[in-house]
Structure formats: structure tokens, C-alpha cells
Amino acid sequence: MIRQLLRFLGLAWLAWRLFGPEKEPTYVGDQERPIHLPGRTILVGEREFFVRETGPEGAPPLVLAHGWSFDGEMNFFSIIPALAERFRVIVPDHRNHGKSDRIRGSFEIEDLADEIVGLLDGIGCDQADLFGYSMGGLAAQVVAHRHPDRVRRLILAGTAARPVDRHRLGAFLVIWFARAFVRLSKKEAAMLTFRYLQRNGLIEPAHERWMWTALLNRDPTLFYEAAFAAWRFDSRPWVGEIDTPTMVIIPTSDQVVPARLQYDLAERIDADRVVEIPGVGHESILSRPEVYVNAIEGFLGDE
């Protein structure tokens, strides 16, 4: 009986996803973007990457490298306006995210790092401060290691030298099955993220349509290629060689990158400054933007 019910529900869900209407969540009030920051595309080799820039002309350049699944605007909309008062803020979209090219096939975090450097070449920026959040923090480590002359100061947040150091087979299988499910329908995964942001007050009601649309703008296969790249990443053999002045920001209740791995990174890189954000998770960039702004401004202004 239970088996028959599950089979019926599964077939009903599949039929709905194939033939049913594409409904949106119900929004309250007028809808708008949280920030209005247009961008442009830059060619890096044969590939096209999208980048947004804002801030005073001649201000110190600051690159914000975003994490997995969110593009640059989604990840940093809460801190861009404040940072743009003092810095030339440069916000690229990594490959397969936002408005940058969808590049088929697997890749490594080192590819993201090379593309960040290519973007800096394309916009004529020889050296910048670099803030890497989550997966962007993995790429930022590589940039600082491979191209130390391009990074004046390095800030790493919600990231690690080895983001998956335990239960690696289990983590691989979770990613693999999640990719398979999202290939059937990406709406459920988008809805889980959307409801989490909504329930925890991480997105204003007026910005919900923008966020929902952005969450659906993801290629299911390429979205998870980034997760596999992060799964393979390991900077432990060389991260201690980075001598760029570095600050590590640690959300102490991070549910995605455990805090112990973030403390481990801070120790391995011999961080000049460690900022703890007690009791908050991986979404801290949205829930505590003022902490990030104050920490970034304080570290970059400390000569």
C-alpha cells in the first residue's frame, strides 16, 4: 500500500513538473532589485565574463569573489553600497554563475583564479585587495599564491584550505544525487533556498522576485561542477607560503564550512587578523553585513 502510494505521488510530481504551469511564490508589495548596479562583459581568452564596478574614480580597487550558487550581486548586495563609498568595488561573476559564460565540462578552482586574474587584466587593474567568500575564498587563495604581485591584501571568509576533509565519499554522493535530482527539476532546490532566506529574514520582501528569478537562473549540471571542484580543492600543501597580509573572517556556527576548518586556515596562512562572528552561520554575509563592512574597512585601512 505504501509502495503504491509513493509510486503514485512520484508519478504525480513528475507529471506536474512536465506539464504543469511554472508558478512563482506569492510576493507582497512592489518588487525591486536591492541595488541598481549595471555591469559589462570582459573577454578572458575566448570566454566572456560579467563584472560590475562601482565606487569613486581613483579609489583603491577591491575585488569581491563570490561563493558557490550565488552570483556576485546575490552574494554581496548587502555590502556593496557601503564599501563603494571608499573603494573601487569590482564584482565579477564566476563561470557558470550569473551573467558569465556557461562553460561545459568539469573544472578546478585554479581555473576560477586564473579567470579572476584575466578579468583584472581586462579592466586594467594591476593590483587590488581581494575578498573571497566561501568558494570565492578558495579561488582567492590560489590568486594570492600564484600571483602575489596582484594582491595587496587578502581577506578570506567562510572558507577553508580543505573544505571537505572528512566523510569525503558521503559528501561526493550527496553532491552526485543532488545533481541528479536538480536535473529533473531545479525548482524544488531553488524553493528550499528561497524559503530559508525568507524565514530567516535574509531578504527583504521587496527583493523576493529578484532573488527567486536569480535562483532559477542556474544550469543544473554546471551548478554542481562547481561543487565538485570545491570538493577536490586542497591548498594545505602550499597555503602557508602566502605572505600577503591576510585577514580571516569566521562565522563560528557555519553549517557549510565548519568553523574548525576556518580556524585551521587562519593558522596555516598565519593570518594577520582573525575576526570571529559568534553564533551565525554561512549566511552571515547577509545577516551581519555591517560586521563585514567594518572588518574590511578596518583591515584595508590599517597600514
C-alpha atoms as a PDB file:
ATOM      1  CA  MET A   1       0.000   0.000   0.000  1.00  0.00           C
ATOM      2  CA  ILE A   2       2.754   2.439   0.977  1.00  0.00           C
ATOM      3  CA  ARG A   3       4.761   1.465  -2.074  1.00  0.00           C
ATOM      4  CA  GLN A   4       1.776   2.117  -4.323  1.00  0.00           C
ATOM      5  CA  LEU A   5       1.161   5.494  -2.670  1.00  0.00           C
ATOM      6  CA  LEU A   6       4.796   6.524  -3.118  1.00  0.00           C
ATOM      7  CA  ARG A   7       4.704   5.431  -6.757  1.00  0.00           C
ATOM      8  CA  PHE A   8       1.522   7.435  -7.334  1.00  0.00           C
ATOM      9  CA  LEU A   9       2.965  10.534  -5.653  1.00  0.00           C
ATOM     10  CA  GLY A  10       6.168  10.226  -7.647  1.00  0.00           C
ATOM     11  CA  LEU A  11       4.322   9.939 -10.941  1.00  0.00           C
ATOM     12  CA  ALA A  12       2.026  12.812  -9.994  1.00  0.00           C
ATOM     13  CA  TRP A  13       5.025  15.021  -9.177  1.00  0.00           C
ATOM     14  CA  LEU A  14       6.742  14.093 -12.449  1.00  0.00           C
ATOM     15  CA  ALA A  15       3.579  14.838 -14.443  1.00  0.00           C
ATOM     16  CA  TRP A  16       3.206  18.185 -12.697  1.00  0.00           C
ATOM     17  CA  ARG A  17       6.797  19.160 -13.441  1.00  0.00           C
ATOM     18  CA  LEU A  18       6.432  18.124 -17.095  1.00  0.00           C
ATOM     19  CA  PHE A  19       3.004  19.566 -17.857  1.00  0.00           C
ATOM     20  CA  GLY A  20       2.036  21.894 -15.008  1.00  0.00           C
ATOM     21  CA  PRO A  21       2.381  25.698 -15.033  1.00  0.00           C
ATOM     22  CA  GLU A  22       5.567  27.410 -13.805  1.00  0.00           C
ATOM     23  CA  LYS A  23       4.247  29.181 -10.732  1.00  0.00           C
ATOM     24  CA  GLU A  24       6.147  31.780  -8.718  1.00  0.00           C
ATOM     25  CA  PRO A  25       5.949  32.401  -4.973  1.00  0.00           C
ATOM     26  CA  THR A  26       3.415  34.969  -3.822  1.00  0.00           C
ATOM     27  CA  TYR A  27       5.014  38.377  -3.324  1.00  0.00           C
ATOM     28  CA  VAL A  28       3.872  41.167  -1.032  1.00  0.00           C
ATOM     29  CA  GLY A  29       4.132  44.770  -2.172  1.00  0.00           C
ATOM     30  CA  ASP A  30       6.117  46.312  -5.008  1.00  0.00           C
ATOM     31  CA  GLN A  31       9.146  44.341  -6.173  1.00  0.00           C
ATOM     32  CA  GLU A  32      12.576  45.768  -6.993  1.00  0.00           C
ATOM     33  CA  ARG A  33      16.256  44.916  -7.124  1.00  0.00           C
ATOM     34  CA  PRO A  34      18.182  45.525  -3.898  1.00  0.00           C
ATOM     35  CA  ILE A  35      20.851  47.518  -5.753  1.00  0.00           C
ATOM     36  CA  HIS A  36      20.930  49.023  -9.227  1.00  0.00           C
ATOM     37  CA  LEU A  37      24.415  48.333 -10.477  1.00  0.00           C
ATOM     38  CA  PRO A  38      24.837  47.623 -14.183  1.00  0.00           C
ATOM     39  CA  GLY A  39      27.908  45.829 -15.478  1.00  0.00           C
ATOM     40  CA  ARG A  40      29.776  44.841 -18.602  1.00  0.00           C
ATOM     41  CA  THR A  41      31.394  41.785 -20.103  1.00  0.00           C
ATOM     42  CA  ILE A  42      35.123  41.171 -20.449  1.00  0.00           C
ATOM     43  CA  LEU A  43      36.758  38.601 -22.711  1.00  0.00           C
ATOM     44  CA  VAL A  44      39.250  36.317 -20.983  1.00  0.00           C
ATOM     45  CA  GLY A  45      40.694  34.262 -23.785  1.00  0.00           C
ATOM     46  CA  GLU A  46      37.693  33.032 -25.749  1.00  0.00           C
ATOM     47  CA  ARG A  47      35.283  33.267 -22.821  1.00  0.00           C
ATOM     48  CA  GLU A  48      33.054  36.145 -21.751  1.00  0.00           C
ATOM     49  CA  PHE A  49      32.753  37.133 -18.087  1.00  0.00           C
ATOM     50  CA  PHE A  50      30.441  39.635 -16.475  1.00  0.00           C
ATOM     51  CA  VAL A  51      31.737  42.210 -13.998  1.00  0.00           C
ATOM     52  CA  ARG A  52      30.141  45.068 -12.060  1.00  0.00           C
ATOM     53  CA  GLU A  53      32.124  48.092 -10.881  1.00  0.00           C
ATOM     54  CA  THR A  54      31.207  50.967  -8.601  1.00  0.00           C
ATOM     55  CA  GLY A  55      32.864  53.468  -6.282  1.00  0.00           C
ATOM     56  CA  PRO A  56      34.859  56.708  -6.550  1.00  0.00           C
ATOM     57  CA  GLU A  57      37.181  57.166  -9.500  1.00  0.00           C
ATOM     58  CA  GLY A  58      40.738  56.583  -8.382  1.00  0.00           C
ATOM     59  CA  ALA A  59      39.724  54.793  -5.162  1.00  0.00           C
ATOM     60  CA  PRO A  60      41.659  51.660  -4.074  1.00  0.00           C
ATOM     61  CA  PRO A  61      40.358  48.638  -6.020  1.00  0.00           C
ATOM     62  CA  LEU A  62      38.653  45.860  -4.059  1.00  0.00           C
ATOM     63  CA  VAL A  63      37.615  42.614  -5.768  1.00  0.00           C
ATOM     64  CA  LEU A  64      34.750  40.599  -4.242  1.00  0.00           C
ATOM     65  CA  ALA A  65      34.917  36.909  -5.245  1.00  0.00           C
ATOM     66  CA  HIS A  66      31.575  35.218  -4.590  1.00  0.00           C
ATOM     67  CA  GLY A  67      30.702  31.761  -3.346  1.00  0.00           C
ATOM     68  CA  TRP A  68      29.027  28.738  -4.864  1.00  0.00           C
ATOM     69  CA  SER A  69      25.468  29.009  -6.218  1.00  0.00           C
ATOM     70  CA  PHE A  70      25.098  32.789  -5.736  1.00  0.00           C
ATOM     71  CA  ASP A  71      26.473  35.228  -8.315  1.00  0.00           C
ATOM     72  CA  GLY A  72      28.325  38.392  -7.352  1.00  0.00           C
ATOM     73  CA  GLU A  73      25.226  40.555  -6.996  1.00  0.00           C
ATOM     74  CA  MET A  74      23.310  37.945  -4.974  1.00  0.00           C
ATOM     75  CA  ASN A  75      26.237  37.277  -2.653  1.00  0.00           C
ATOM     76  CA  PHE A  76      27.320  40.858  -1.968  1.00  0.00           C
ATOM     77  CA  PHE A  77      24.345  43.182  -2.496  1.00  0.00           C
ATOM     78  CA  SER A  78      24.215  43.850   1.249  1.00  0.00           C
ATOM     79  CA  ILE A  79      27.810  45.156   1.481  1.00  0.00           C
ATOM     80  CA  ILE A  80      28.477  46.736  -1.928  1.00  0.00           C
ATOM     81  CA  PRO A  81      26.867  50.159  -1.272  1.00  0.00           C
ATOM     82  CA  ALA A  82      28.797  50.772   1.953  1.00  0.00           C
ATOM     83  CA  LEU A  83      32.118  49.560   0.533  1.00  0.00           C
ATOM     84  CA  ALA A  84      31.634  51.666  -2.612  1.00  0.00           C
ATOM     85  CA  GLU A  85      31.902  54.818  -0.514  1.00  0.00           C
ATOM     86  CA  ARG A  86      35.631  54.187  -0.055  1.00  0.00           C
ATOM     87  CA  PHE A  87      36.712  51.634  -2.654  1.00  0.00           C
ATOM     88  CA  ARG A  88      36.512  50.892  -6.344  1.00  0.00           C
ATOM     89  CA  VAL A  89      34.433  47.765  -5.854  1.00  0.00           C
ATOM     90  CA  ILE A  90      34.871  45.118  -8.579  1.00  0.00           C
ATOM     91  CA  VAL A  91      32.336  42.271  -8.527  1.00  0.00           C
ATOM     92  CA  PRO A  92      32.792  39.532 -11.148  1.00  0.00           C
ATOM     93  CA  ASP A  93      30.521  36.568 -11.815  1.00  0.00           C
ATOM     94  CA  HIS A  94      32.476  33.297 -11.895  1.00  0.00           C
ATOM     95  CA  ARG A  95      32.000  30.943 -14.822  1.00  0.00           C
ATOM     96  CA  ASN A  96      28.591  29.235 -14.829  1.00  0.00           C
ATOM     97  CA  HIS A  97      27.188  31.855 -12.441  1.00  0.00           C
ATOM     98  CA  GLY A  98      25.159  34.990 -13.073  1.00  0.00           C
ATOM     99  CA  LYS A  99      25.709  36.514 -16.470  1.00  0.00           C
ATOM    100  CA  SER A 100      29.096  34.943 -17.234  1.00  0.00           C
ATOM    101  CA  ASP A 101      29.564  32.216 -19.837  1.00  0.00           C
ATOM    102  CA  ARG A 102      28.308  28.698 -19.182  1.00  0.00           C
ATOM    103  CA  ILE A 103      31.386  26.575 -19.885  1.00  0.00           C
ATOM    104  CA  ARG A 104      30.653  22.877 -20.341  1.00  0.00           C
ATOM    105  CA  GLY A 105      32.749  20.256 -18.609  1.00  0.00           C
ATOM    106  CA  SER A 106      34.494  19.904 -15.298  1.00  0.00           C
ATOM    107  CA  PHE A 107      36.967  22.474 -13.997  1.00  0.00           C
ATOM    108  CA  GLU A 108      39.130  23.229 -10.989  1.00  0.00           C
ATOM    109  CA  ILE A 109      39.233  26.124  -8.538  1.00  0.00           C
ATOM    110  CA  GLU A 110      42.527  27.098 -10.183  1.00  0.00           C
ATOM    111  CA  ASP A 111      40.534  27.909 -13.340  1.00  0.00           C
ATOM    112  CA  LEU A 112      38.397  30.383 -11.376  1.00  0.00           C
ATOM    113  CA  ALA A 113      41.562  32.009 -10.024  1.00  0.00           C
ATOM    114  CA  ASP A 114      43.073  32.360 -13.499  1.00  0.00           C
ATOM    115  CA  GLU A 115      39.834  33.911 -14.717  1.00  0.00           C
ATOM    116  CA  ILE A 116      39.859  36.474 -11.886  1.00  0.00           C
ATOM    117  CA  VAL A 117      43.380  37.498 -12.922  1.00  0.00           C
ATOM    118  CA  GLY A 118      42.255  37.620 -16.560  1.00  0.00           C
ATOM    119  CA  LEU A 119      39.391  39.912 -15.582  1.00  0.00           C
ATOM    120  CA  LEU A 120      41.797  42.221 -13.753  1.00  0.00           C
ATOM    121  CA  ASP A 121      43.906  42.364 -16.912  1.00  0.00           C
ATOM    122  CA  GLY A 122      40.804  43.099 -18.954  1.00  0.00           C
ATOM    123  CA  ILE A 123      39.751  46.076 -16.821  1.00  0.00           C
ATOM    124  CA  GLY A 124      43.296  47.404 -16.499  1.00  0.00           C
ATOM    125  CA  CYS A 125      43.795  46.722 -12.791  1.00  0.00           C
ATOM    126  CA  ASP A 126      47.371  45.755 -11.912  1.00  0.00           C
ATOM    127  CA  GLN A 127      46.857  45.198  -8.186  1.00  0.00           C
ATOM    128  CA  ALA A 128      43.815  45.019  -5.903  1.00  0.00           C
ATOM    129  CA  ASP A 129      42.684  43.991  -2.476  1.00  0.00           C
ATOM    130  CA  LEU A 130      40.882  40.655  -2.753  1.00  0.00           C
ATOM    131  CA  PHE A 131      37.967  39.417  -0.636  1.00  0.00           C
ATOM    132  CA  GLY A 132      36.987  35.799  -1.179  1.00  0.00           C
ATOM    133  CA  TYR A 133      33.823  34.375   0.357  1.00  0.00           C
ATOM    134  CA  SER A 134      33.204  30.607   0.583  1.00  0.00           C
ATOM    135  CA  MET A 135      34.139  29.140  -2.824  1.00  0.00           C
ATOM    136  CA  GLY A 136      35.464  32.574  -3.764  1.00  0.00           C
ATOM    137  CA  GLY A 137      37.828  32.218  -0.810  1.00  0.00           C
ATOM    138  CA  LEU A 138      39.257  29.057  -2.371  1.00  0.00           C
ATOM    139  CA  ALA A 139      39.930  30.912  -5.622  1.00  0.00           C
ATOM    140  CA  ALA A 140      41.356  33.897  -3.709  1.00  0.00           C
ATOM    141  CA  GLN A 141      43.922  31.631  -2.034  1.00  0.00           C
ATOM    142  CA  VAL A 142      45.085  30.451  -5.454  1.00  0.00           C
ATOM    143  CA  VAL A 143      45.320  34.013  -6.815  1.00  0.00           C
ATOM    144  CA  ALA A 144      47.429  35.125  -3.840  1.00  0.00           C
ATOM    145  CA  HIS A 145      49.674  32.060  -4.203  1.00  0.00           C
ATOM    146  CA  ARG A 146      50.152  32.142  -7.964  1.00  0.00           C
ATOM    147  CA  HIS A 147      50.089  35.914  -8.455  1.00  0.00           C
ATOM    148  CA  PRO A 148      51.258  37.558  -5.208  1.00  0.00           C
ATOM    149  CA  ASP A 149      52.071  40.799  -7.025  1.00  0.00           C
ATOM    150  CA  ARG A 150      48.391  41.202  -7.970  1.00  0.00           C
ATOM    151  CA  VAL A 151      47.023  41.084  -4.402  1.00  0.00           C
ATOM    152  CA  ARG A 152      47.794  43.911  -1.978  1.00  0.00           C
ATOM    153  CA  ARG A 153      45.771  42.488   0.906  1.00  0.00           C
ATOM    154  CA  LEU A 154      43.776  39.275   1.174  1.00  0.00           C
ATOM    155  CA  ILE A 155      40.524  38.699   3.076  1.00  0.00           C
ATOM    156  CA  LEU A 156      39.048  35.212   3.396  1.00  0.00           C
ATOM    157  CA  ALA A 157      35.618  34.487   4.894  1.00  0.00           C
ATOM    158  CA  GLY A 158      33.584  31.318   5.383  1.00  0.00           C
ATOM    159  CA  THR A 159      36.254  29.278   3.634  1.00  0.00           C
ATOM    160  CA  ALA A 160      38.998  26.713   4.242  1.00  0.00           C
ATOM    161  CA  ALA A 161      42.180  25.161   2.936  1.00  0.00           C
ATOM    162  CA  ARG A 162      40.384  21.812   2.583  1.00  0.00           C
ATOM    163  CA  PRO A 163      36.622  22.431   2.673  1.00  0.00           C
ATOM    164  CA  VAL A 164      35.742  18.722   2.727  1.00  0.00           C
ATOM    165  CA  ASP A 165      38.246  16.917   4.938  1.00  0.00           C
ATOM    166  CA  ARG A 166      36.015  14.222   6.450  1.00  0.00           C
ATOM    167  CA  HIS A 167      33.399  11.785   5.129  1.00  0.00           C
ATOM    168  CA  ARG A 168      34.514  12.613   1.620  1.00  0.00           C
ATOM    169  CA  LEU A 169      32.736   9.701  -0.062  1.00  0.00           C
ATOM    170  CA  GLY A 170      29.479  10.665   1.622  1.00  0.00           C
ATOM    171  CA  ALA A 171      29.879  14.293   0.556  1.00  0.00           C
ATOM    172  CA  PHE A 172      30.597  13.195  -3.004  1.00  0.00           C
ATOM    173  CA  LEU A 173      27.456  11.061  -3.092  1.00  0.00           C
ATOM    174  CA  VAL A 174      25.327  13.906  -1.699  1.00  0.00           C
ATOM    175  CA  ILE A 175      26.566  16.195  -4.478  1.00  0.00           C
ATOM    176  CA  TRP A 176      26.065  13.476  -7.089  1.00  0.00           C
ATOM    177  CA  PHE A 177      22.493  12.651  -6.065  1.00  0.00           C
ATOM    178  CA  ALA A 178      21.600  16.335  -5.629  1.00  0.00           C
ATOM    179  CA  ARG A 179      22.762  16.987  -9.185  1.00  0.00           C
ATOM    180  CA  ALA A 180      20.642  14.109 -10.464  1.00  0.00           C
ATOM    181  CA  PHE A 181      17.549  15.431  -8.671  1.00  0.00           C
ATOM    182  CA  VAL A 182      18.031  19.011  -9.849  1.00  0.00           C
ATOM    183  CA  ARG A 183      18.424  17.798 -13.430  1.00  0.00           C
ATOM    184  CA  LEU A 184      14.819  16.575 -13.159  1.00  0.00           C
ATOM    185  CA  SER A 185      13.567  19.811 -11.611  1.00  0.00           C
ATOM    186  CA  LYS A 186      15.577  22.732 -10.256  1.00  0.00           C
ATOM    187  CA  LYS A 187      12.506  24.421  -8.802  1.00  0.00           C
ATOM    188  CA  GLU A 188      12.455  22.426  -5.542  1.00  0.00           C
ATOM    189  CA  ALA A 189      16.100  23.197  -4.736  1.00  0.00           C
ATOM    190  CA  ALA A 190      15.532  26.858  -5.544  1.00  0.00           C
ATOM    191  CA  MET A 191      12.438  26.872  -3.319  1.00  0.00           C
ATOM    192  CA  LEU A 192      14.356  25.386  -0.372  1.00  0.00           C
ATOM    193  CA  THR A 193      16.954  28.150  -0.596  1.00  0.00           C
ATOM    194  CA  PHE A 194      14.308  30.818  -1.145  1.00  0.00           C
ATOM    195  CA  ARG A 195      12.247  29.735   1.871  1.00  0.00           C
ATOM    196  CA  TYR A 196      15.365  29.590   4.047  1.00  0.00           C
ATOM    197  CA  LEU A 197      16.274  33.154   3.109  1.00  0.00           C
ATOM    198  CA  GLN A 198      12.689  34.245   3.635  1.00  0.00           C
ATOM    199  CA  ARG A 199      12.179  32.547   7.019  1.00  0.00           C
ATOM    200  CA  ASN A 200      15.416  33.921   8.427  1.00  0.00           C
ATOM    201  CA  GLY A 201      14.838  37.486   7.255  1.00  0.00           C
ATOM    202  CA  LEU A 202      17.859  37.422   4.934  1.00  0.00           C
ATOM    203  CA  ILE A 203      15.997  39.001   2.027  1.00  0.00           C
ATOM    204  CA  GLU A 204      13.648  41.965   2.141  1.00  0.00           C
ATOM    205  CA  PRO A 205      10.074  41.262   0.928  1.00  0.00           C
ATOM    206  CA  ALA A 206      10.538  43.831  -1.850  1.00  0.00           C
ATOM    207  CA  HIS A 207      13.508  41.845  -3.228  1.00  0.00           C
ATOM    208  CA  GLU A 208      11.922  38.400  -3.296  1.00  0.00           C
ATOM    209  CA  ARG A 209      11.071  38.286  -7.021  1.00  0.00           C
ATOM    210  CA  TRP A 210      14.639  39.292  -7.907  1.00  0.00           C
ATOM    211  CA  MET A 211      16.059  36.556  -5.668  1.00  0.00           C
ATOM    212  CA  TRP A 212      13.653  33.889  -6.934  1.00  0.00           C
ATOM    213  CA  THR A 213      14.469  34.671 -10.552  1.00  0.00           C
ATOM    214  CA  ALA A 214      18.202  34.579  -9.826  1.00  0.00           C
ATOM    215  CA  LEU A 215      17.930  31.235  -8.037  1.00  0.00           C
ATOM    216  CA  LEU A 216      16.256  29.695 -11.080  1.00  0.00           C
ATOM    217  CA  ASN A 217      18.954  31.046 -13.403  1.00  0.00           C
ATOM    218  CA  ARG A 218      21.280  28.109 -12.788  1.00  0.00           C
ATOM    219  CA  ASP A 219      22.316  25.272 -15.068  1.00  0.00           C
ATOM    220  CA  PRO A 220      21.793  22.095 -13.002  1.00  0.00           C
ATOM    221  CA  THR A 221      24.884  20.305 -14.299  1.00  0.00           C
ATOM    222  CA  LEU A 222      27.294  23.245 -14.271  1.00  0.00           C
ATOM    223  CA  PHE A 223      25.979  24.395 -10.908  1.00  0.00           C
ATOM    224  CA  TYR A 224      27.228  21.148  -9.384  1.00  0.00           C
ATOM    225  CA  GLU A 225      30.501  21.104 -11.332  1.00  0.00           C
ATOM    226  CA  ALA A 226      31.480  23.982  -9.053  1.00  0.00           C
ATOM    227  CA  ALA A 227      30.601  21.873  -6.009  1.00  0.00           C
ATOM    228  CA  PHE A 228      32.782  19.021  -7.285  1.00  0.00           C
ATOM    229  CA  ALA A 229      35.639  21.487  -7.861  1.00  0.00           C
ATOM    230  CA  ALA A 230      35.356  22.663  -4.245  1.00  0.00           C
ATOM    231  CA  TRP A 231      35.216  19.031  -3.097  1.00  0.00           C
ATOM    232  CA  ARG A 232      38.547  18.365  -4.834  1.00  0.00           C
ATOM    233  CA  PHE A 233      40.266  21.541  -3.584  1.00  0.00           C
ATOM    234  CA  ASP A 234      43.185  21.270  -1.157  1.00  0.00           C
ATOM    235  CA  SER A 235      45.557  24.184  -0.535  1.00  0.00           C
ATOM    236  CA  ARG A 236      47.195  22.679   2.560  1.00  0.00           C
ATOM    237  CA  PRO A 237      50.494  21.840   0.794  1.00  0.00           C
ATOM    238  CA  TRP A 238      51.115  25.477  -0.181  1.00  0.00           C
ATOM    239  CA  VAL A 239      48.769  27.913   1.596  1.00  0.00           C
ATOM    240  CA  GLY A 240      51.411  28.594   4.262  1.00  0.00           C
ATOM    241  CA  GLU A 241      53.663  30.055   1.562  1.00  0.00           C
ATOM    242  CA  ILE A 242      51.292  33.011   1.046  1.00  0.00           C
ATOM    243  CA  ASP A 243      52.896  36.074   2.633  1.00  0.00           C
ATOM    244  CA  THR A 244      50.274  38.620   1.577  1.00  0.00           C
ATOM    245  CA  PRO A 245      48.800  40.421   4.622  1.00  0.00           C
ATOM    246  CA  THR A 246      45.676  38.376   5.351  1.00  0.00           C
ATOM    247  CA  MET A 247      42.526  38.624   7.443  1.00  0.00           C
ATOM    248  CA  VAL A 248      40.253  35.619   8.053  1.00  0.00           C
ATOM    249  CA  ILE A 249      36.591  36.185   8.983  1.00  0.00           C
ATOM    250  CA  ILE A 250      34.985  33.205  10.742  1.00  0.00           C
ATOM    251  CA  PRO A 251      31.222  32.718  11.296  1.00  0.00           C
ATOM    252  CA  THR A 252      31.528  30.463  14.336  1.00  0.00           C
ATOM    253  CA  SER A 253      28.317  28.492  13.672  1.00  0.00           C
ATOM    254  CA  ASP A 254      28.955  27.943   9.973  1.00  0.00           C
ATOM    255  CA  GLN A 255      26.879  24.959   8.828  1.00  0.00           C
ATOM    256  CA  VAL A 256      28.563  24.692   5.390  1.00  0.00           C
ATOM    257  CA  VAL A 257      32.268  25.184   6.132  1.00  0.00           C
ATOM    258  CA  PRO A 258      32.849  24.090   9.741  1.00  0.00           C
ATOM    259  CA  ALA A 259      34.491  26.712  11.937  1.00  0.00           C
ATOM    260  CA  ARG A 260      37.294  24.287  12.831  1.00  0.00           C
ATOM    261  CA  LEU A 261      38.378  24.307   9.180  1.00  0.00           C
ATOM    262  CA  GLN A 262      38.301  28.090   9.091  1.00  0.00           C
ATOM    263  CA  TYR A 263      40.473  28.313  12.215  1.00  0.00           C
ATOM    264  CA  ASP A 264      42.772  25.762  10.604  1.00  0.00           C
ATOM    265  CA  LEU A 265      43.099  28.005   7.537  1.00  0.00           C
ATOM    266  CA  ALA A 266      43.845  31.032   9.711  1.00  0.00           C
ATOM    267  CA  GLU A 267      46.616  29.111  11.434  1.00  0.00           C
ATOM    268  CA  ARG A 268      48.104  27.676   8.249  1.00  0.00           C
ATOM    269  CA  ILE A 269      48.185  31.038   6.489  1.00  0.00           C
ATOM    270  CA  ASP A 270      49.410  32.773   9.679  1.00  0.00           C
ATOM    271  CA  ALA A 271      46.622  35.346   9.414  1.00  0.00           C
ATOM    272  CA  ASP A 272      47.474  38.877  10.495  1.00  0.00           C
ATOM    273  CA  ARG A 273      43.952  39.303  11.806  1.00  0.00           C
ATOM    274  CA  VAL A 274      41.106  36.949  12.683  1.00  0.00           C
ATOM    275  CA  VAL A 275      37.558  38.268  13.074  1.00  0.00           C
ATOM    276  CA  GLU A 276      35.012  35.962  14.673  1.00  0.00           C
ATOM    277  CA  ILE A 277      31.265  36.436  14.183  1.00  0.00           C
ATOM    278  CA  PRO A 278      29.755  34.453  17.067  1.00  0.00           C
ATOM    279  CA  GLY A 279      26.614  32.389  16.671  1.00  0.00           C
ATOM    280  CA  VAL A 280      25.994  32.953  12.956  1.00  0.00           C
ATOM    281  CA  GLY A 281      26.131  30.578  10.015  1.00  0.00           C
ATOM    282  CA  HIS A 282      27.306  30.600   6.439  1.00  0.00           C
ATOM    283  CA  GLU A 283      24.654  33.184   5.543  1.00  0.00           C
ATOM    284  CA  SER A 284      26.403  35.751   7.769  1.00  0.00           C
ATOM    285  CA  ILE A 285      27.286  37.897   4.750  1.00  0.00           C
ATOM    286  CA  LEU A 286      23.532  38.610   4.533  1.00  0.00           C
ATOM    287  CA  SER A 287      22.607  38.559   8.209  1.00  0.00           C
ATOM    288  CA  ARG A 288      25.555  40.631   9.521  1.00  0.00           C
ATOM    289  CA  PRO A 289      26.699  42.852   6.641  1.00  0.00           C
ATOM    290  CA  GLU A 290      27.788  45.641   8.986  1.00  0.00           C
ATOM    291  CA  VAL A 291      30.351  43.317  10.610  1.00  0.00           C
ATOM    292  CA  TYR A 292      31.867  42.527   7.225  1.00  0.00           C
ATOM    293  CA  VAL A 293      31.966  46.164   6.151  1.00  0.00           C
ATOM    294  CA  ASN A 294      33.616  47.272   9.399  1.00  0.00           C
ATOM    295  CA  ALA A 295      36.138  44.427   9.301  1.00  0.00           C
ATOM    296  CA  ILE A 296      37.038  45.022   5.642  1.00  0.00           C
ATOM    297  CA  GLU A 297      37.362  48.780   6.027  1.00  0.00           C
ATOM    298  CA  GLY A 298      39.404  48.401   9.206  1.00  0.00           C
ATOM    299  CA  PHE A 299      41.824  45.878   7.738  1.00  0.00           C
ATOM    300  CA  LEU A 300      42.313  47.585   4.392  1.00  0.00           C
ATOM    301  CA  GLY A 301      42.740  50.969   6.017  1.00  0.00           C
ATOM    302  CA  ASP A 302      45.297  49.692   8.533  1.00  0.00           C
ATOM    303  CA  GLU A 303      48.703  50.442   7.050  1.00  0.00           C
END
